[in-house]
Structure formats: structure tokens, C-alpha cells
Amino acid sequence: MREDIFSRPSELIYFQTSKDIYETGEDLWFKAYQLDVQTFGLSDKSKTLYLQMINPKDSVVWQEKYQDGIANGIKGGIIIGENIGKY
């Protein structure tokens, strides 16, 4: 039982976008929060957040690495280009 507790993640990412469906040429605005899984409060355990967008063929079409301020949430955005497609 004790090993099971230590094998579980201690954090999760809450990812929020400005809308549900995006098309080519649109801006995708997002907020990401790193939360403690037990309290659901903001967590500062991890220092780096990696975000990826993966297409239906399992290819990475966008990725970004965030290191500053992830304990307080990250705000960002990308333009949905031709290489990304429709989601």
C-alpha cells in the first residue's frame, strides 16, 4: 500500500482554453495551473511545465517549455497555423 502512494503523481495540471474549437488562423489563448492532487491548491513542487499539442497521427505540432512563475499559473497563446490544422 505504501509503495502505491509514492508511485502516484503529487501534482496535476489544470488547462483552460478560451473556447472549445479552433480553426486555422485563430488565436488559442490558455491558462495552465499546477495543482497539488490532495488539496487542489496551487503547487510549487515542480519547476518546469512542458506543453505539447499532438495531432491525430500522434505527431507533435507545437510545444513550449515554461519555467518562470508556474507556481502562480501560466498564461499564453499560440496562433493556429497551417501545420497545426483544425481541433
N, C-alpha and C. Protein backbone atom coordinates (compact mmCIF):
# COMPACT_ATOMS: atom_id res chain seq x y z
N MET A 1 0.83 -1.20 0.00
CA MET A 1 0.00 0.00 0.00
C MET A 1 0.87 1.26 0.00
N ARG A 2 1.91 1.29 0.81
CA ARG A 2 2.76 2.47 0.90
C ARG A 2 3.46 2.77 -0.43
N GLU A 3 3.89 1.73 -1.16
CA GLU A 3 4.52 1.93 -2.46
C GLU A 3 3.54 2.56 -3.44
N ASP A 4 2.27 2.17 -3.35
CA ASP A 4 1.25 2.72 -4.24
C ASP A 4 1.11 4.22 -4.05
N ILE A 5 1.17 4.69 -2.83
CA ILE A 5 1.06 6.13 -2.55
C ILE A 5 2.20 6.90 -3.19
N PHE A 6 3.42 6.36 -3.09
CA PHE A 6 4.58 7.06 -3.64
C PHE A 6 4.67 6.97 -5.15
N SER A 7 3.98 6.03 -5.77
CA SER A 7 4.03 5.91 -7.22
C SER A 7 3.02 6.84 -7.91
N ARG A 8 2.11 7.40 -7.18
CA ARG A 8 1.11 8.30 -7.76
C ARG A 8 1.69 9.71 -7.91
N PRO A 9 1.25 10.44 -8.94
CA PRO A 9 1.72 11.81 -9.10
C PRO A 9 1.24 12.69 -7.95
N SER A 10 2.05 13.65 -7.55
CA SER A 10 1.66 14.56 -6.47
C SER A 10 1.08 15.86 -7.00
N GLU A 11 1.15 16.04 -8.32
CA GLU A 11 0.63 17.27 -8.93
C GLU A 11 -0.19 16.93 -10.17
N LEU A 12 -1.02 17.86 -10.57
CA LEU A 12 -1.74 17.75 -11.83
C LEU A 12 -1.80 19.13 -12.46
N ILE A 13 -2.10 19.16 -13.75
CA ILE A 13 -2.20 20.42 -14.49
C ILE A 13 -3.66 20.65 -14.85
N TYR A 14 -4.16 21.81 -14.48
CA TYR A 14 -5.49 22.24 -14.91
C TYR A 14 -5.25 23.17 -16.09
N PHE A 15 -5.76 22.81 -17.26
CA PHE A 15 -5.52 23.56 -18.50
C PHE A 15 -6.85 24.11 -19.01
N GLN A 16 -6.91 25.41 -19.18
CA GLN A 16 -8.15 26.08 -19.58
C GLN A 16 -7.90 26.86 -20.86
N THR A 17 -8.79 26.72 -21.85
CA THR A 17 -8.67 27.46 -23.10
C THR A 17 -9.82 28.46 -23.23
N SER A 18 -9.66 29.39 -24.16
CA SER A 18 -10.66 30.44 -24.33
C SER A 18 -11.93 29.95 -25.03
N LYS A 19 -11.86 28.82 -25.72
CA LYS A 19 -13.05 28.22 -26.34
C LYS A 19 -12.76 26.77 -26.66
N ASP A 20 -13.75 26.04 -27.16
CA ASP A 20 -13.62 24.60 -27.35
C ASP A 20 -13.04 24.19 -28.70
N ILE A 21 -13.35 24.92 -29.78
CA ILE A 21 -12.94 24.53 -31.13
C ILE A 21 -12.18 25.70 -31.76
N TYR A 22 -11.07 25.37 -32.41
CA TYR A 22 -10.23 26.37 -33.08
C TYR A 22 -10.03 25.98 -34.53
N GLU A 23 -9.89 26.99 -35.39
CA GLU A 23 -9.61 26.76 -36.80
C GLU A 23 -8.33 27.47 -37.19
N THR A 24 -7.78 27.12 -38.34
CA THR A 24 -6.55 27.71 -38.83
C THR A 24 -6.65 29.23 -38.84
N GLY A 25 -5.61 29.89 -38.33
CA GLY A 25 -5.54 31.34 -38.31
C GLY A 25 -6.07 31.96 -37.03
N GLU A 26 -6.70 31.18 -36.17
CA GLU A 26 -7.23 31.71 -34.91
C GLU A 26 -6.17 31.68 -33.81
N ASP A 27 -6.36 32.52 -32.82
CA ASP A 27 -5.51 32.54 -31.64
C ASP A 27 -6.09 31.60 -30.59
N LEU A 28 -5.24 30.76 -30.04
CA LEU A 28 -5.64 29.89 -28.93
C LEU A 28 -5.04 30.50 -27.67
N TRP A 29 -5.88 31.00 -26.79
CA TRP A 29 -5.42 31.57 -25.52
C TRP A 29 -5.67 30.55 -24.43
N PHE A 30 -4.72 30.43 -23.50
CA PHE A 30 -4.87 29.43 -22.46
C PHE A 30 -4.32 29.92 -21.13
N LYS A 31 -4.75 29.22 -20.08
CA LYS A 31 -4.19 29.36 -18.74
C LYS A 31 -3.92 27.94 -18.26
N ALA A 32 -2.80 27.76 -17.58
CA ALA A 32 -2.45 26.45 -17.03
C ALA A 32 -2.06 26.64 -15.57
N TYR A 33 -2.62 25.81 -14.72
CA TYR A 33 -2.34 25.87 -13.29
C TYR A 33 -1.79 24.52 -12.82
N GLN A 34 -0.75 24.57 -12.03
CA GLN A 34 -0.16 23.37 -11.44
C GLN A 34 -0.75 23.22 -10.03
N LEU A 35 -1.44 22.09 -9.80
CA LEU A 35 -2.17 21.90 -8.55
C LEU A 35 -1.65 20.69 -7.78
N ASP A 36 -1.73 20.78 -6.47
CA ASP A 36 -1.45 19.65 -5.59
C ASP A 36 -2.64 18.71 -5.67
N VAL A 37 -2.40 17.40 -5.87
CA VAL A 37 -3.52 16.46 -6.06
C VAL A 37 -4.35 16.23 -4.82
N GLN A 38 -3.81 16.49 -3.66
CA GLN A 38 -4.58 16.26 -2.43
C GLN A 38 -5.38 17.47 -2.02
N THR A 39 -4.83 18.67 -2.19
CA THR A 39 -5.53 19.87 -1.73
C THR A 39 -6.18 20.66 -2.87
N PHE A 40 -5.79 20.39 -4.10
CA PHE A 40 -6.19 21.15 -5.29
C PHE A 40 -5.81 22.62 -5.18
N GLY A 41 -4.88 22.94 -4.30
CA GLY A 41 -4.31 24.28 -4.22
C GLY A 41 -3.14 24.39 -5.17
N LEU A 42 -2.70 25.61 -5.45
CA LEU A 42 -1.54 25.81 -6.32
C LEU A 42 -0.32 25.12 -5.72
N SER A 43 0.49 24.53 -6.56
CA SER A 43 1.66 23.78 -6.11
C SER A 43 2.92 24.40 -6.69
N ASP A 44 4.01 24.35 -5.93
CA ASP A 44 5.29 24.84 -6.43
C ASP A 44 6.36 23.75 -6.39
N LYS A 45 5.93 22.48 -6.35
CA LYS A 45 6.87 21.37 -6.29
C LYS A 45 7.70 21.25 -7.57
N SER A 46 7.06 21.26 -8.71
CA SER A 46 7.77 21.18 -9.99
C SER A 46 8.14 22.58 -10.44
N LYS A 47 9.25 22.67 -11.12
CA LYS A 47 9.76 23.98 -11.55
C LYS A 47 9.62 24.22 -13.06
N THR A 48 9.25 23.18 -13.81
CA THR A 48 9.15 23.29 -15.26
C THR A 48 7.85 22.67 -15.74
N LEU A 49 7.19 23.34 -16.68
CA LEU A 49 5.97 22.84 -17.29
C LEU A 49 6.21 22.71 -18.80
N TYR A 50 5.98 21.52 -19.34
CA TYR A 50 6.09 21.28 -20.77
C TYR A 50 4.69 21.10 -21.33
N LEU A 51 4.37 21.86 -22.37
CA LEU A 51 3.08 21.72 -23.05
C LEU A 51 3.32 21.28 -24.48
N GLN A 52 2.48 20.37 -24.96
CA GLN A 52 2.56 19.91 -26.33
C GLN A 52 1.16 19.81 -26.92
N MET A 53 1.05 20.09 -28.23
CA MET A 53 -0.16 19.83 -28.97
C MET A 53 0.17 18.70 -29.94
N ILE A 54 -0.62 17.66 -29.90
CA ILE A 54 -0.37 16.47 -30.71
C ILE A 54 -1.53 16.25 -31.66
N ASN A 55 -1.21 16.01 -32.94
CA ASN A 55 -2.27 15.82 -33.93
C ASN A 55 -2.81 14.39 -33.88
N PRO A 56 -3.86 14.09 -34.63
CA PRO A 56 -4.44 12.74 -34.59
C PRO A 56 -3.49 11.61 -35.00
N LYS A 57 -2.37 11.96 -35.67
CA LYS A 57 -1.38 10.95 -36.07
C LYS A 57 -0.27 10.82 -35.02
N ASP A 58 -0.49 11.38 -33.83
CA ASP A 58 0.46 11.33 -32.71
C ASP A 58 1.77 12.06 -32.98
N SER A 59 1.74 13.06 -33.85
CA SER A 59 2.92 13.90 -34.10
C SER A 59 2.79 15.20 -33.32
N VAL A 60 3.87 15.66 -32.74
CA VAL A 60 3.88 16.93 -32.01
C VAL A 60 3.89 18.06 -33.04
N VAL A 61 2.89 18.94 -32.98
CA VAL A 61 2.81 20.07 -33.91
C VAL A 61 3.12 21.40 -33.23
N TRP A 62 3.17 21.39 -31.91
CA TRP A 62 3.55 22.59 -31.14
C TRP A 62 4.00 22.13 -29.77
N GLN A 63 5.05 22.80 -29.27
CA GLN A 63 5.50 22.53 -27.91
C GLN A 63 6.15 23.76 -27.33
N GLU A 64 6.07 23.88 -26.05
CA GLU A 64 6.63 25.03 -25.33
C GLU A 64 7.04 24.58 -23.94
N LYS A 65 8.07 25.22 -23.43
CA LYS A 65 8.58 24.93 -22.08
C LYS A 65 8.48 26.21 -21.26
N TYR A 66 7.89 26.10 -20.07
CA TYR A 66 7.72 27.23 -19.17
C TYR A 66 8.46 26.94 -17.86
N GLN A 67 9.23 27.91 -17.39
CA GLN A 67 9.96 27.72 -16.15
C GLN A 67 9.68 28.81 -15.13
N ASP A 68 9.35 29.98 -15.55
CA ASP A 68 9.16 31.09 -14.62
C ASP A 68 7.70 31.25 -14.23
N GLY A 69 7.44 31.27 -12.93
CA GLY A 69 6.11 31.59 -12.43
C GLY A 69 5.08 30.50 -12.56
N ILE A 70 5.48 29.25 -12.77
CA ILE A 70 4.45 28.22 -12.96
C ILE A 70 3.68 27.94 -11.69
N ALA A 71 4.23 28.28 -10.54
CA ALA A 71 3.51 28.07 -9.28
C ALA A 71 2.29 28.98 -9.18
N ASN A 72 2.28 30.09 -9.91
CA ASN A 72 1.15 31.03 -9.88
C ASN A 72 0.26 30.92 -11.11
N GLY A 73 0.53 29.97 -11.97
CA GLY A 73 -0.25 29.81 -13.19
C GLY A 73 0.47 30.45 -14.37
N ILE A 74 0.23 29.90 -15.54
CA ILE A 74 0.83 30.37 -16.78
C ILE A 74 -0.29 30.85 -17.70
N LYS A 75 -0.08 31.99 -18.32
CA LYS A 75 -0.99 32.47 -19.36
C LYS A 75 -0.20 32.49 -20.66
N GLY A 76 -0.84 32.06 -21.74
CA GLY A 76 -0.15 32.05 -23.01
C GLY A 76 -1.11 31.94 -24.16
N GLY A 77 -0.53 31.89 -25.34
CA GLY A 77 -1.33 31.77 -26.54
C GLY A 77 -0.48 31.39 -27.73
N ILE A 78 -1.12 30.80 -28.71
CA ILE A 78 -0.45 30.47 -29.97
C ILE A 78 -1.43 30.74 -31.10
N ILE A 79 -0.89 30.97 -32.29
CA ILE A 79 -1.72 31.11 -33.47
C ILE A 79 -1.81 29.73 -34.13
N ILE A 80 -3.01 29.30 -34.41
CA ILE A 80 -3.21 28.00 -35.05
C ILE A 80 -2.84 28.14 -36.53
N GLY A 81 -1.65 27.68 -36.87
CA GLY A 81 -1.16 27.78 -38.24
C GLY A 81 -1.55 26.58 -39.08
N GLU A 82 -1.17 26.62 -40.35
CA GLU A 82 -1.48 25.53 -41.27
C GLU A 82 -0.90 24.20 -40.81
N ASN A 83 0.25 24.23 -40.13
CA ASN A 83 0.87 22.99 -39.68
C ASN A 83 0.12 22.32 -38.54
N ILE A 84 -0.75 23.07 -37.88
CA ILE A 84 -1.49 22.53 -36.73
C ILE A 84 -2.82 21.94 -37.17
N GLY A 85 -3.55 22.61 -38.03
CA GLY A 85 -4.82 22.08 -38.51
C GLY A 85 -5.99 22.53 -37.69
N LYS A 86 -7.07 21.77 -37.70
CA LYS A 86 -8.32 22.11 -37.02
C LYS A 86 -8.56 21.18 -35.85
N TYR A 87 -8.89 21.75 -34.68
CA TYR A 87 -9.14 20.96 -33.49
C TYR A 87 -10.38 21.42 -32.78
